[in-house]
Amino acid sequence: MSVLSDIQELRNRMNQSIIGQEVLVDRILIALLANGNVLLEGLPGLAKTRAVKSLAKELEADLSRIQFTPDLLPSDITGSEVYQPELEEKFIFQKGPIFSNLVLADEINRAPAKVQAALLEAMEERQVSVAGKTHKMDPLFMVLATQNPVEQEGTYPLPEAQMDRFVMKVLIDYPSTDSETKILQLVRNEIKNDNTTHQKATLNPQIIFDARAEIQNIEVSENIERYIVDLIAATRYPEKYNEELKNWIDFGASPRGTIAIDTCARVMAWMNDRNYVTPDDVRAILHDVLRHRLILSYEAGAEGISTDKVIDEILKVVAVA
């Protein structure tokens, strides 16, 4: 089997246990292959946690789940130095739950700023510094954070600097009525067969590294590069395009957004079995990559304009080079 067929098999297995959330599964896999972190936003019960657990199970990877609460401390995530008087080296570093292949940061906006900041170094640098010592993360490492879009009490909005560390922000909606019927049947069968199910063969995590190596060879033409840069420029200088965008956008995306579009578009092309990126690949991932990187104006909020609506308008006014 090829690496692509292995990834497609992984996607199919996940879709069998997460019915009606194909977009969620695809975006998680794209973020994983892009070696990035992903923010999942949706109401409770829409399979966010289930999707992460399914990925860990099918990929034979370690999973840590951190339930963020207002009383959490940074050391609860990163770990701390523990005094061991009987040993020659008196202080031993005890690793926290961040040291795992997949880290589910549940309700990340419920923790105060210090705890949220504790994730920054791990997410960006793939290392943690404690007591003057640096501890490296595993080569396969990904943070999948969730947040509830409607709850405000007891929550702390993520700062823009941390939002920018997520390669994607994925919005999760309700499943269709047909999918919900299948969900009922799936859960009923899982409960019924809980003691008799037999473990399927899992996939070796090495396929992720092999896939990333192949994705590096995906071609991006000068026209596509110009298209990506023009899309980002429209978020920074909206007055050059039309009056609506000027009134809606206060701050645009950083160069990290440009890099994320390029990387995710190459992953999208690879997953569609092409060795080159098309404008459709860029458009397919643009909302997920940019929706958390734009800071909208007060006027946009007053008019009920969402970031997705702004991105729709950007796609209309920016032409392919």
Protein backbone atom coordinates (compact mmCIF):
# COMPACT_ATOMS: atom_id res chain seq x y z
CA MET A 1 0.00 0.00 0.00
CA SER A 2 1.09 3.58 -0.67
CA VAL A 3 1.37 6.22 2.04
CA LEU A 4 -1.66 8.03 0.59
CA SER A 5 -3.78 4.86 0.73
CA ASP A 6 -2.72 4.39 4.37
CA ILE A 7 -3.90 7.92 5.21
CA GLN A 8 -7.14 7.33 3.32
CA GLU A 9 -7.62 4.14 5.31
CA LEU A 10 -7.06 6.12 8.51
CA ARG A 11 -9.65 8.67 7.40
CA ASN A 12 -12.17 5.95 6.53
CA ARG A 13 -11.76 4.27 9.92
CA MET A 14 -12.26 7.56 11.73
CA ASN A 15 -15.35 8.37 9.67
CA GLN A 16 -16.85 5.01 10.66
CA SER A 17 -16.77 6.00 14.33
CA ILE A 18 -17.52 9.72 13.87
CA ILE A 19 -20.59 9.77 11.67
CA GLY A 20 -21.65 13.00 9.96
CA GLN A 21 -18.44 14.93 10.75
CA GLU A 22 -16.38 14.25 7.62
CA VAL A 23 -15.11 17.84 7.48
CA LEU A 24 -13.90 17.62 11.08
CA VAL A 25 -11.99 14.40 10.34
CA ASP A 26 -10.42 15.87 7.19
CA ARG A 27 -9.33 19.06 8.95
CA ILE A 28 -7.76 17.16 11.86
CA LEU A 29 -5.78 15.02 9.42
CA ILE A 30 -4.73 18.07 7.38
CA ALA A 31 -3.48 19.80 10.54
CA LEU A 32 -1.62 16.64 11.60
CA LEU A 33 0.06 16.26 8.20
CA ALA A 34 0.90 19.98 8.25
CA ASN A 35 2.65 19.42 11.61
CA GLY A 36 0.37 21.99 13.24
CA ASN A 37 -2.08 22.39 16.09
CA VAL A 38 -5.83 22.76 15.70
CA LEU A 39 -8.57 24.60 17.62
CA LEU A 40 -11.98 22.91 17.53
CA GLU A 41 -14.97 25.10 18.31
CA GLY A 42 -18.47 23.71 18.70
CA LEU A 43 -21.26 22.99 21.12
CA PRO A 44 -20.91 20.09 23.59
CA GLY A 45 -21.68 16.64 22.25
CA LEU A 46 -20.59 17.21 18.63
CA ALA A 47 -17.81 14.55 18.68
CA LYS A 48 -14.80 16.83 19.26
CA THR A 49 -13.33 14.62 21.98
CA ARG A 50 -14.42 11.45 20.22
CA ALA A 51 -12.59 12.52 17.05
CA VAL A 52 -9.32 13.03 18.92
CA LYS A 53 -9.65 9.71 20.75
CA SER A 54 -10.43 7.95 17.46
CA LEU A 55 -7.29 9.39 15.86
CA ALA A 56 -5.12 8.24 18.77
CA LYS A 57 -6.68 4.77 18.71
CA GLU A 58 -6.35 4.22 14.97
CA LEU A 59 -2.84 5.68 14.79
CA GLU A 60 -1.34 3.79 17.73
CA ALA A 61 -0.41 7.09 19.38
CA ASP A 62 -0.36 8.20 23.01
CA LEU A 63 -3.16 10.57 24.05
CA SER A 64 -3.30 12.94 27.02
CA ARG A 65 -6.48 14.76 27.96
CA ILE A 66 -6.24 17.97 29.99
CA GLN A 67 -9.48 19.36 31.37
CA PHE A 68 -8.85 23.09 31.66
CA THR A 69 -10.30 24.74 34.79
CA PRO A 70 -9.82 28.17 36.45
CA ASP A 71 -7.67 26.67 39.25
CA LEU A 72 -5.22 24.86 36.95
CA LEU A 73 -1.51 25.74 37.33
CA PRO A 74 1.13 25.83 34.54
CA SER A 75 3.05 23.01 36.25
CA ASP A 76 -0.09 20.85 36.03
CA ILE A 77 0.48 20.87 32.27
CA THR A 78 4.23 20.98 31.78
CA GLY A 79 5.34 18.99 34.83
CA SER A 80 7.73 20.04 37.61
CA GLU A 81 10.94 19.25 39.45
CA VAL A 82 10.38 16.74 42.25
CA TYR A 83 12.76 16.48 45.21
CA GLN A 84 14.16 12.96 45.66
CA PRO A 85 16.57 13.00 48.66
CA GLU A 86 17.57 9.34 48.27
CA LEU A 87 18.96 9.90 44.74
CA GLU A 88 22.32 11.37 43.77
CA GLU A 89 20.59 13.93 41.57
CA LYS A 90 18.22 15.41 44.14
CA PHE A 91 15.70 16.95 41.72
CA ILE A 92 14.03 14.81 39.08
CA PHE A 93 11.78 16.23 36.37
CA GLN A 94 8.35 14.63 36.44
CA LYS A 95 6.72 15.07 33.05
CA GLY A 96 3.24 16.55 32.79
CA PRO A 97 0.45 15.51 30.42
CA ILE A 98 1.79 17.79 27.67
CA PHE A 99 4.41 15.08 26.98
CA SER A 100 2.29 12.93 24.69
CA ASN A 101 1.79 12.43 20.95
CA LEU A 102 -1.71 13.91 20.93
CA VAL A 103 -2.78 16.39 23.59
CA LEU A 104 -6.49 17.12 23.97
CA ALA A 105 -6.79 20.52 25.66
CA ASP A 106 -10.46 20.41 26.60
CA GLU A 107 -12.21 23.78 27.04
CA ILE A 108 -8.94 25.66 26.76
CA ASN A 109 -10.66 29.01 27.32
CA ARG A 110 -11.59 28.02 30.89
CA ALA A 111 -8.02 28.38 32.16
CA PRO A 112 -6.35 31.70 33.09
CA ALA A 113 -3.68 33.33 30.92
CA LYS A 114 -0.66 31.80 32.71
CA VAL A 115 -1.90 28.29 32.02
CA GLN A 116 -2.79 29.08 28.41
CA ALA A 117 0.68 30.56 27.97
CA ALA A 118 2.23 27.35 29.28
CA LEU A 119 1.16 25.71 26.04
CA LEU A 120 2.81 28.32 23.80
CA GLU A 121 6.38 27.03 23.92
CA ALA A 122 5.26 23.44 23.48
CA MET A 123 2.99 24.31 20.53
CA GLU A 124 5.51 26.46 18.69
CA GLU A 125 8.96 25.24 19.74
CA ARG A 126 8.05 21.61 20.56
CA GLN A 127 9.85 21.87 23.87
CA VAL A 128 9.16 22.81 27.50
CA SER A 129 11.51 24.77 29.77
CA VAL A 130 11.29 24.03 33.51
CA ALA A 131 13.80 25.15 36.18
CA GLY A 132 16.26 26.30 33.53
CA LYS A 133 16.24 22.97 31.67
CA THR A 134 14.75 22.27 28.24
CA HIS A 135 12.76 19.10 27.63
CA LYS A 136 11.96 18.09 24.05
CA MET A 137 8.57 16.81 22.94
CA ASP A 138 8.13 13.60 20.92
CA PRO A 139 8.61 13.99 17.13
CA LEU A 140 4.91 13.20 16.67
CA PHE A 141 3.21 15.95 18.67
CA MET A 142 -0.06 17.81 18.18
CA VAL A 143 -2.29 19.92 20.42
CA LEU A 144 -6.02 19.70 19.73
CA ALA A 145 -7.83 22.32 21.79
CA THR A 146 -11.60 22.63 22.16
CA GLN A 147 -13.77 25.52 23.22
CA ASN A 148 -17.49 26.17 23.59
CA PRO A 149 -18.65 29.17 21.48
CA VAL A 150 -21.71 30.07 23.58
CA GLU A 151 -20.50 29.87 27.19
CA GLN A 152 -19.05 33.09 28.58
CA GLU A 153 -19.14 32.62 32.37
CA GLY A 154 -15.82 31.45 33.76
CA THR A 155 -14.01 31.68 30.42
CA TYR A 156 -10.87 33.55 29.40
CA PRO A 157 -10.60 34.41 25.67
CA LEU A 158 -7.38 33.20 24.09
CA PRO A 159 -4.95 36.05 23.29
CA GLU A 160 -4.25 36.75 19.62
CA ALA A 161 -0.63 35.54 19.95
CA GLN A 162 -1.79 32.11 21.05
CA MET A 163 -4.61 31.91 18.50
CA ASP A 164 -1.98 32.43 15.80
CA ARG A 165 -0.20 29.26 16.97
CA PHE A 166 -3.09 27.13 15.74
CA VAL A 167 -2.72 26.25 12.09
CA MET A 168 -6.53 25.92 11.84
CA LYS A 169 -9.69 26.84 13.70
CA VAL A 170 -12.44 24.39 12.79
CA LEU A 171 -16.10 25.15 13.42
CA ILE A 172 -18.24 22.08 14.12
CA ASP A 173 -21.95 22.08 13.33
CA TYR A 174 -24.83 19.71 14.05
CA PRO A 175 -24.99 16.49 11.97
CA SER A 176 -27.80 15.93 9.47
CA THR A 177 -30.92 14.02 10.53
CA ASP A 178 -29.80 10.95 8.54
CA SER A 179 -26.38 11.04 10.20
CA GLU A 180 -27.95 11.40 13.63
CA THR A 181 -30.00 8.26 13.05
CA LYS A 182 -26.79 6.40 12.21
CA ILE A 183 -25.14 7.84 15.33
CA LEU A 184 -27.94 6.37 17.46
CA GLN A 185 -27.44 2.96 15.87
CA LEU A 186 -23.65 3.15 16.20
CA VAL A 187 -23.70 4.04 19.90
CA ARG A 188 -26.34 1.39 20.62
CA ASN A 189 -24.19 -1.26 18.91
CA GLU A 190 -21.06 -0.11 20.72
CA ILE A 191 -22.78 -0.51 24.09
CA LYS A 192 -24.23 -3.88 23.09
CA ASN A 193 -20.93 -5.25 21.79
CA ASP A 194 -18.69 -3.59 24.36
CA ASN A 195 -17.32 -6.85 25.72
CA THR A 196 -17.09 -8.74 22.43
CA THR A 197 -15.53 -6.25 20.00
CA HIS A 198 -12.14 -7.07 18.77
CA GLN A 199 -9.38 -4.57 18.25
CA LYS A 200 -8.65 -3.70 14.65
CA ALA A 201 -5.08 -3.45 13.44
CA THR A 202 -3.81 0.07 13.97
CA LEU A 203 -1.60 2.08 11.65
CA ASN A 204 2.05 2.79 12.39
CA PRO A 205 2.66 6.49 13.22
CA GLN A 206 5.60 6.38 10.78
CA ILE A 207 3.08 6.91 7.97
CA ILE A 208 2.63 10.50 9.20
CA PHE A 209 6.34 11.24 8.77
CA ASP A 210 6.37 9.51 5.38
CA ALA A 211 3.37 11.55 4.26
CA ARG A 212 4.98 14.80 5.44
CA ALA A 213 8.08 13.97 3.38
CA GLU A 214 5.97 13.46 0.25
CA ILE A 215 4.01 16.67 0.90
CA GLN A 216 7.26 18.65 0.87
CA ASN A 217 7.58 17.74 -2.83
CA ILE A 218 4.18 19.14 -3.83
CA GLU A 219 4.71 21.94 -6.37
CA VAL A 220 3.38 25.45 -5.81
CA SER A 221 3.48 27.64 -8.93
CA GLU A 222 4.34 31.34 -8.91
CA ASN A 223 0.70 32.15 -9.72
CA ILE A 224 -0.51 30.22 -6.67
CA GLU A 225 2.13 31.88 -4.48
CA ARG A 226 0.96 35.29 -5.72
CA TYR A 227 -2.67 34.30 -5.09
CA ILE A 228 -1.88 33.32 -1.47
CA VAL A 229 0.06 36.54 -0.85
CA ASP A 230 -2.74 38.63 -2.42
CA LEU A 231 -5.33 36.99 -0.17
CA ILE A 232 -3.26 37.86 2.90
CA ALA A 233 -2.66 41.39 1.59
CA ALA A 234 -6.43 41.87 1.33
CA THR A 235 -6.70 41.28 5.09
CA ARG A 236 -4.00 43.87 5.81
CA TYR A 237 -4.91 46.56 3.29
CA PRO A 238 -8.68 46.10 2.81
CA GLU A 239 -9.12 49.73 1.70
CA LYS A 240 -7.46 48.79 -1.62
CA TYR A 241 -10.32 46.43 -2.44
CA ASN A 242 -13.64 47.89 -1.29
CA GLU A 243 -15.27 50.01 1.40
CA GLU A 244 -16.96 47.08 3.13
CA LEU A 245 -13.72 45.25 3.84
CA LYS A 246 -12.16 48.48 5.07
CA ASN A 247 -14.97 48.92 7.60
CA TRP A 248 -14.93 45.28 8.70
CA ILE A 249 -11.22 44.53 9.30
CA ASP A 250 -9.07 46.17 11.98
CA PHE A 251 -6.03 43.86 11.76
CA GLY A 252 -5.10 41.27 9.16
CA ALA A 253 -3.19 37.99 9.20
CA SER A 254 0.52 37.66 9.99
CA PRO A 255 3.13 35.88 7.81
CA ARG A 256 2.38 32.80 9.91
CA GLY A 257 -1.01 32.79 8.19
CA THR A 258 0.64 32.91 4.76
CA ILE A 259 2.82 29.92 5.64
CA ALA A 260 -0.19 28.02 7.03
CA ILE A 261 -2.19 28.53 3.82
CA ASP A 262 0.73 27.28 1.72
CA THR A 263 1.30 24.20 3.93
CA CYS A 264 -2.37 23.22 4.25
CA ALA A 265 -3.01 23.74 0.53
CA ARG A 266 -0.13 21.36 -0.26
CA VAL A 267 -1.61 18.80 2.13
CA MET A 268 -5.00 19.20 0.43
CA ALA A 269 -3.40 18.65 -3.00
CA TRP A 270 -1.56 15.57 -1.75
CA MET A 271 -4.72 14.08 -0.22
CA ASN A 272 -6.41 14.56 -3.61
CA ASP A 273 -3.56 12.61 -5.25
CA ARG A 274 -2.02 15.58 -7.08
CA ASN A 275 1.58 16.77 -7.06
CA TYR A 276 0.65 20.44 -7.54
CA VAL A 277 -1.58 22.98 -5.77
CA THR A 278 -4.63 24.49 -7.48
CA PRO A 279 -6.63 27.61 -6.52
CA ASP A 280 -9.38 25.27 -5.30
CA ASP A 281 -6.98 23.77 -2.75
CA VAL A 282 -6.29 27.27 -1.40
CA ARG A 283 -10.00 28.17 -1.27
CA ALA A 284 -10.89 24.87 0.43
CA ILE A 285 -8.75 25.56 3.50
CA LEU A 286 -8.82 29.37 3.59
CA HIS A 287 -11.69 29.77 6.09
CA ASP A 288 -10.16 27.30 8.56
CA VAL A 289 -6.72 28.90 8.34
CA LEU A 290 -7.81 32.56 8.53
CA ARG A 291 -10.96 32.74 10.68
CA HIS A 292 -8.99 33.01 13.95
CA ARG A 293 -6.32 35.31 12.53
CA LEU A 294 -8.52 38.28 11.59
CA ILE A 295 -9.47 40.94 14.13
CA LEU A 296 -12.74 42.52 13.08
CA SER A 297 -13.86 46.05 13.78
CA TYR A 298 -16.56 47.25 16.14
CA GLU A 299 -18.70 48.05 13.09
CA ALA A 300 -18.48 44.45 11.89
CA GLY A 301 -19.57 43.18 15.30
CA ALA A 302 -22.46 45.65 15.40
CA GLU A 303 -23.62 44.49 11.97
CA GLY A 304 -23.33 40.81 12.94
CA ILE A 305 -20.59 40.19 10.37
CA SER A 306 -18.62 37.00 11.04
CA THR A 307 -15.04 36.29 10.02
CA ASP A 308 -16.35 33.68 7.57
CA LYS A 309 -18.44 36.37 5.87
CA VAL A 310 -15.34 38.59 5.61
CA ILE A 311 -13.33 35.72 4.09
CA ASP A 312 -16.15 35.09 1.60
CA GLU A 313 -15.86 38.72 0.51
CA ILE A 314 -12.07 38.48 0.23
CA LEU A 315 -12.42 35.47 -2.07
CA LYS A 316 -14.77 37.50 -4.28
CA VAL A 317 -12.47 40.50 -4.69
CA VAL A 318 -9.07 38.72 -4.99
CA ALA A 319 -8.45 37.15 -8.38
CA VAL A 320 -6.06 34.35 -9.24
CA ALA A 321 -2.85 35.85 -10.66
